[in-house]
Protein backbone atom coordinates (compact mmCIF):
# COMPACT_ATOMS: atom_id res chain seq x y z
CA MET A 1 37.90 -50.53 -35.11
CA THR A 2 34.26 -50.14 -36.35
CA ALA A 3 32.92 -48.19 -39.96
CA LEU A 4 31.10 -46.14 -37.22
CA LYS A 5 34.05 -45.38 -34.88
CA GLY A 6 36.39 -44.65 -38.05
CA LEU A 7 33.78 -42.01 -39.22
CA LEU A 8 33.61 -39.94 -36.01
CA ASP A 9 37.16 -40.09 -35.43
CA THR A 10 37.26 -38.15 -38.67
CA LEU A 11 34.33 -35.98 -38.50
CA GLU A 12 35.14 -34.95 -34.74
CA ALA A 13 38.61 -34.04 -35.99
CA ASP A 14 37.42 -31.35 -39.16
CA SER A 15 36.71 -28.52 -36.96
CA ALA A 16 35.87 -26.67 -40.05
CA LEU A 17 32.46 -28.42 -40.00
CA LEU A 18 31.79 -25.54 -36.81
CA GLU A 19 32.10 -22.71 -39.52
CA PRO A 20 29.05 -21.26 -40.38
CA LEU A 21 29.72 -21.13 -44.45
CA ARG A 22 30.35 -24.89 -44.22
CA LEU A 23 26.52 -26.02 -45.01
CA ARG A 24 28.05 -28.10 -47.88
CA GLU A 25 30.30 -29.90 -45.56
CA ARG A 26 27.48 -30.47 -43.12
CA SER A 27 25.14 -31.58 -45.06
CA GLN A 28 27.85 -34.49 -46.53
CA ALA A 29 28.16 -35.13 -42.94
CA LEU A 30 24.86 -35.70 -41.91
CA ASP A 31 24.77 -37.77 -44.68
CA ARG A 32 27.38 -40.19 -44.25
CA LEU A 33 26.26 -40.54 -40.77
CA GLU A 34 22.91 -41.18 -41.59
CA ARG A 35 24.09 -44.06 -43.58
CA ALA A 36 26.14 -45.83 -40.88
CA LEU A 37 24.26 -44.92 -38.31
CA ASP A 38 21.56 -47.39 -39.91
CA PHE A 39 23.98 -50.01 -40.78
CA ALA A 40 24.92 -49.78 -37.34
CA ALA A 41 21.47 -49.87 -35.65
CA TYR A 42 21.64 -54.12 -34.91
CA ASP A 43 25.73 -53.67 -34.00
CA LEU A 44 25.22 -54.02 -30.40
CA VAL A 45 28.88 -53.78 -29.62
CA ALA A 46 28.85 -50.27 -30.93
CA VAL A 47 25.89 -48.94 -28.68
CA ALA A 48 28.24 -46.41 -27.57
CA GLU A 49 29.34 -45.29 -31.04
CA GLN A 50 25.71 -45.15 -31.94
CA ALA A 51 25.52 -42.39 -28.79
CA ARG A 52 28.57 -40.24 -29.75
CA ALA A 53 27.11 -40.68 -33.51
CA GLN A 54 23.69 -38.99 -32.40
CA GLY A 55 25.35 -36.53 -30.33
CA LEU A 56 27.64 -35.33 -33.58
CA ARG A 57 24.47 -35.51 -35.29
CA ALA A 58 22.33 -32.82 -33.18
CA ARG A 59 25.81 -30.62 -32.90
CA LEU A 60 25.98 -30.38 -36.59
CA GLU A 61 21.94 -30.08 -36.72
CA ALA A 62 21.94 -27.37 -34.25
CA LEU A 63 24.28 -25.09 -36.22
CA ASP A 64 22.49 -25.26 -39.21
CA ARG A 65 19.16 -24.58 -37.24
CA ALA A 66 20.91 -21.32 -35.79
CA LEU A 67 22.20 -20.50 -38.81
CA TYR A 68 18.40 -20.82 -40.32
CA ASP A 69 16.63 -18.77 -37.56
CA GLU A 70 19.27 -15.76 -37.94
CA LEU A 71 18.31 -15.37 -42.30
CA ARG A 72 14.35 -15.92 -41.13
CA GLU A 73 15.08 -12.62 -38.80
CA ASP A 74 17.18 -10.73 -41.80
CA ILE A 75 14.36 -11.46 -44.37
CA ARG A 76 11.74 -9.90 -41.81
CA ARG A 77 13.78 -7.06 -41.21
CA GLY A 78 14.11 -6.95 -45.10
CA GLY A 79 17.36 -8.01 -45.39
CA THR A 80 19.30 -10.27 -48.41
CA ARG A 81 21.23 -11.98 -46.74
CA LEU A 82 20.25 -15.32 -47.92
CA LEU A 83 20.94 -14.38 -51.43
CA GLN A 84 24.85 -13.37 -50.25
CA TRP A 85 25.06 -16.50 -48.42
CA ALA A 86 23.55 -18.57 -51.34
CA ARG A 87 25.96 -17.10 -53.95
CA GLN A 88 29.16 -17.70 -51.10
CA THR A 89 28.23 -21.32 -50.34
CA GLY A 90 26.92 -22.22 -54.04
CA GLU A 91 28.05 -24.73 -57.17
CA ALA A 92 27.71 -24.91 -60.61
CA ALA A 93 23.83 -24.64 -61.75
CA THR A 94 23.93 -27.43 -63.52
CA GLY A 95 21.97 -30.76 -63.36
CA GLU A 96 18.27 -31.36 -61.91
CA HIS A 97 19.01 -33.35 -58.98
CA TYR A 98 19.38 -31.83 -54.96
CA ASP A 99 22.00 -30.49 -52.71
CA HIS A 100 22.57 -28.75 -49.45
CA LEU A 101 21.03 -25.29 -51.03
CA ASP A 102 17.87 -26.82 -50.68
CA GLU A 103 18.10 -27.90 -47.46
CA LEU A 104 19.14 -23.93 -46.87
CA VAL A 105 15.62 -23.32 -48.71
CA SER A 106 13.70 -25.73 -46.79
CA GLY A 107 15.30 -24.81 -43.50
CA VAL A 108 14.67 -20.73 -44.18
CA LEU A 109 11.14 -21.06 -45.45
CA ARG A 110 9.53 -23.80 -43.47
CA LEU A 111 6.65 -24.37 -45.60
CA PRO A 112 3.91 -25.88 -44.09
CA ALA A 113 3.56 -29.23 -45.39
CA PRO A 114 0.17 -29.21 -47.56
CA GLY A 115 -1.57 -32.38 -46.23
CA ASP A 116 -3.10 -34.88 -48.28
CA ASP A 117 -5.86 -33.29 -50.19
CA VAL A 118 -3.40 -32.23 -53.31
CA GLY A 119 -5.81 -33.48 -56.49
CA ALA A 120 -4.67 -35.46 -59.07
CA LEU A 121 -2.62 -34.29 -62.16
CA GLY A 122 -4.76 -33.24 -65.58
CA GLU A 123 -3.87 -34.63 -68.64
CA GLU A 124 -0.48 -32.51 -69.94
CA MET A 125 0.30 -31.54 -66.57
CA VAL A 126 3.86 -32.77 -65.50
CA PHE A 127 4.07 -33.77 -61.75
CA TYR A 128 5.52 -31.00 -59.19
CA GLN A 129 9.37 -30.58 -58.35
CA PRO A 130 10.49 -27.51 -56.99
CA THR A 131 13.17 -25.87 -58.63
CA PRO A 132 16.70 -27.07 -57.47
CA ALA A 133 17.93 -24.17 -55.28
CA ARG A 134 21.19 -23.43 -57.06
CA HIS A 135 18.92 -23.37 -60.23
CA ALA A 136 17.02 -20.29 -58.48
CA PHE A 137 19.36 -18.40 -57.07
CA ASP A 138 21.40 -18.54 -59.97
CA LEU A 139 18.52 -17.14 -62.26
CA LEU A 140 18.34 -14.01 -59.67
CA ARG A 141 21.96 -13.14 -60.39
CA ARG A 142 21.32 -13.42 -64.05
CA LEU A 143 18.39 -11.80 -64.42
CA SER A 144 19.37 -8.55 -61.83
CA LEU A 145 15.45 -7.79 -60.75
CA GLY A 146 14.47 -4.44 -59.67
CA ALA A 147 11.92 -2.86 -57.41
CA ASP A 148 10.04 -2.11 -61.56
CA ASP A 149 9.91 -6.19 -62.04
CA LEU A 150 7.80 -8.55 -61.40
CA LEU A 151 8.23 -12.31 -62.34
CA ILE A 152 5.19 -14.24 -62.78
CA ASP A 153 5.58 -18.18 -62.30
CA LEU A 154 3.59 -20.27 -64.28
CA GLY A 155 2.94 -23.52 -62.54
CA ALA A 156 4.64 -22.53 -58.79
CA GLY A 157 3.77 -25.50 -56.41
CA LEU A 158 4.95 -24.51 -53.32
CA GLY A 159 6.31 -20.95 -54.58
CA HIS A 160 9.70 -21.34 -53.80
CA VAL A 161 11.00 -19.14 -56.48
CA PRO A 162 8.49 -16.45 -56.29
CA LEU A 163 9.44 -16.59 -51.98
CA LEU A 164 13.04 -16.11 -53.00
CA VAL A 165 12.45 -13.34 -55.24
CA ALA A 166 10.28 -11.95 -52.91
CA ALA A 167 13.49 -12.72 -50.01
CA CYS A 168 16.66 -11.55 -52.10
CA THR A 169 15.65 -8.73 -54.46
CA GLY A 170 13.42 -5.51 -54.63
CA ALA A 171 11.14 -7.60 -56.72
CA HIS A 172 7.57 -7.95 -56.65
CA ALA A 173 6.94 -12.64 -57.91
CA HIS A 174 3.26 -13.47 -58.30
CA GLY A 175 3.17 -17.24 -58.54
CA ILE A 176 0.08 -18.94 -60.44
CA GLU A 177 -0.58 -22.32 -58.67
CA ILE A 178 -3.92 -24.88 -59.91
CA GLU A 179 -3.58 -26.81 -56.48
CA PRO A 180 -5.27 -24.87 -53.61
CA ALA A 181 -3.43 -27.16 -51.48
CA TYR A 182 -0.31 -25.19 -52.45
CA VAL A 183 -1.43 -22.03 -52.85
CA ALA A 184 -1.79 -22.24 -49.10
CA SER A 185 1.19 -22.96 -48.15
CA ALA A 186 2.87 -20.99 -50.59
CA ARG A 187 0.92 -18.24 -48.85
CA ALA A 188 0.96 -18.68 -45.39
CA CYS A 189 4.91 -19.37 -45.96
CA ALA A 190 5.13 -15.60 -47.28
CA ALA A 191 2.92 -13.73 -44.20
CA GLU A 192 5.01 -15.33 -41.82
CA LEU A 193 8.23 -14.44 -43.04
CA GLY A 194 6.30 -10.84 -43.98
CA LEU A 195 6.84 -11.16 -47.73
CA ASP A 196 4.64 -9.27 -49.16
CA ARG A 197 6.05 -8.55 -52.39
CA ALA A 198 5.04 -12.37 -52.90
CA SER A 199 1.66 -13.06 -53.73
CA PHE A 200 -0.37 -16.41 -55.37
CA ALA A 201 -3.18 -16.94 -56.82
CA CYS A 202 -4.89 -20.58 -57.31
CA ALA A 203 -5.46 -20.31 -61.13
CA ASP A 204 -5.31 -22.56 -64.10
CA ALA A 205 -2.60 -20.71 -65.94
CA ARG A 206 -4.58 -20.60 -69.16
CA GLU A 207 -6.79 -18.75 -67.53
CA ALA A 208 -4.97 -16.69 -65.42
CA GLY A 209 -4.39 -12.83 -65.90
CA LEU A 210 0.01 -12.17 -67.09
CA GLU A 211 -0.62 -8.32 -67.64
CA ASP A 212 2.27 -6.69 -65.87
CA GLY A 213 4.96 -9.44 -65.92
CA SER A 214 8.14 -8.50 -66.58
CA VAL A 215 9.62 -11.93 -66.37
CA TYR A 216 7.85 -15.28 -66.79
CA TYR A 217 8.99 -18.41 -65.27
CA LEU A 218 8.35 -22.30 -66.31
CA TYR A 219 10.20 -25.18 -64.84
CA THR A 220 8.02 -27.12 -67.75
CA PRO A 221 4.68 -27.12 -65.32
CA PHE A 222 2.95 -28.88 -68.22
CA THR A 223 3.35 -29.98 -71.92
CA GLY A 224 1.25 -30.09 -75.40
CA ALA A 225 -1.67 -27.47 -75.85
CA ILE A 226 -1.91 -26.76 -72.73
CA LEU A 227 2.57 -25.32 -73.24
CA ARG A 228 1.05 -24.14 -76.46
CA GLN A 229 -2.33 -21.81 -75.27
CA VAL A 230 0.30 -20.65 -72.66
CA LEU A 231 3.48 -19.56 -75.30
CA ASP A 232 0.84 -17.72 -77.14
CA ALA A 233 -0.57 -15.53 -74.15
CA LEU A 234 3.09 -14.96 -73.59
CA ALA A 235 3.33 -14.41 -77.08
CA GLN A 236 0.92 -11.19 -77.05
CA GLN A 237 2.10 -9.68 -73.40
CA ALA A 238 5.12 -9.49 -76.21
CA LYS A 239 3.57 -7.17 -78.75
CA GLY A 240 3.21 -4.45 -75.95
CA ARG A 241 6.93 -4.53 -74.02
CA THR A 242 9.58 -6.51 -73.79
CA ILE A 243 9.20 -9.40 -71.28
CA ARG A 244 11.82 -12.29 -70.67
CA VAL A 245 10.81 -16.26 -70.17
CA CYS A 246 12.99 -18.42 -68.50
CA THR A 247 12.66 -21.69 -68.86
CA LEU A 248 14.20 -24.92 -66.85
CA GLY A 249 14.00 -29.00 -68.19
CA PRO A 250 12.09 -30.27 -71.22
CA CYS A 251 10.09 -27.52 -71.75
CA THR A 252 13.22 -25.48 -72.18
CA SER A 253 13.28 -26.33 -76.52
CA VAL A 254 9.68 -25.83 -77.31
CA VAL A 255 10.43 -22.13 -76.03
CA ALA A 256 13.37 -21.90 -78.00
CA ALA A 257 11.89 -22.06 -81.41
CA GLU A 258 9.60 -19.82 -80.59
CA PRO A 259 9.64 -16.52 -83.50
CA TRP A 260 9.25 -14.24 -81.32
CA LEU A 261 11.99 -15.07 -78.49
CA ASP A 262 15.36 -14.67 -78.83
CA GLY A 263 18.14 -16.59 -76.76
CA ASP A 264 20.87 -19.31 -77.16
CA ALA A 265 20.33 -20.75 -80.48
CA LEU A 266 21.31 -24.11 -78.18
CA PRO A 267 20.26 -24.01 -74.74
CA ARG A 268 20.56 -26.37 -72.04
CA SER A 269 17.64 -28.48 -70.80
CA ASP A 270 19.46 -29.50 -67.01
CA ARG A 271 20.30 -25.00 -66.58
CA ILE A 272 17.73 -22.16 -66.72
CA ALA A 273 17.70 -20.92 -69.73
CA VAL A 274 16.21 -16.97 -70.58
CA PHE A 275 14.90 -15.53 -73.76
CA VAL A 276 13.80 -12.06 -74.69
CA SER A 277 11.17 -10.76 -76.23
CA ARG A 278 11.74 -9.38 -79.88
């Protein structure tokens, strides 16, 4: 018996893979199928098993697409099933790897590809990676954002966090991003899903208006002098009102040392840290 046939026998016998909430298990099954198909690609004896595997992959992917379509329609109607669903199927919000929830977010948002016109990074700017979805959902749970809140994402990239804020809560969200192609993609997604509470500005975070924000988020978009200038600007905002600053990644240790912020004395760099102004 070939390895591919053994895998197919196991997966086809697992009826749980057909249950809507088993996105993680389907993701793992699809990964195993992909690896097995790559390995069996030149095995002329396993032609029947390859066709069978392709059929199973198509069935599992169709289940995921149906779920994504349902959640997109719910967002357009103003619902928050995406957040409820993610809470049911999520896992611990630690580490900076990606998992099945990122596939969920990708399938629901369907962000237009930014193309090949992305400019070169400036000095002290960090290569863009989206916030892992489980961290974004964890942040929304911990912040309990309401209609009076405005979350500003500094270095928003393709806008995953502002889009999820608008899709999952009653709050407003604003992404500040220096790359025009990323901003265009985020705006197109917001328009397609009817997310009027998500807005995006193409601007340098050092020069953008930071007024009115109640929460500011940074997934280490920049370091050094740029980070210093942005933190100084946020400190000025905190003189007039209480704000929260949320960080993920290496910038967390820098933010934790700010004398005008309170937070965990030993915040983790692999989980979003939440700081409150004094």
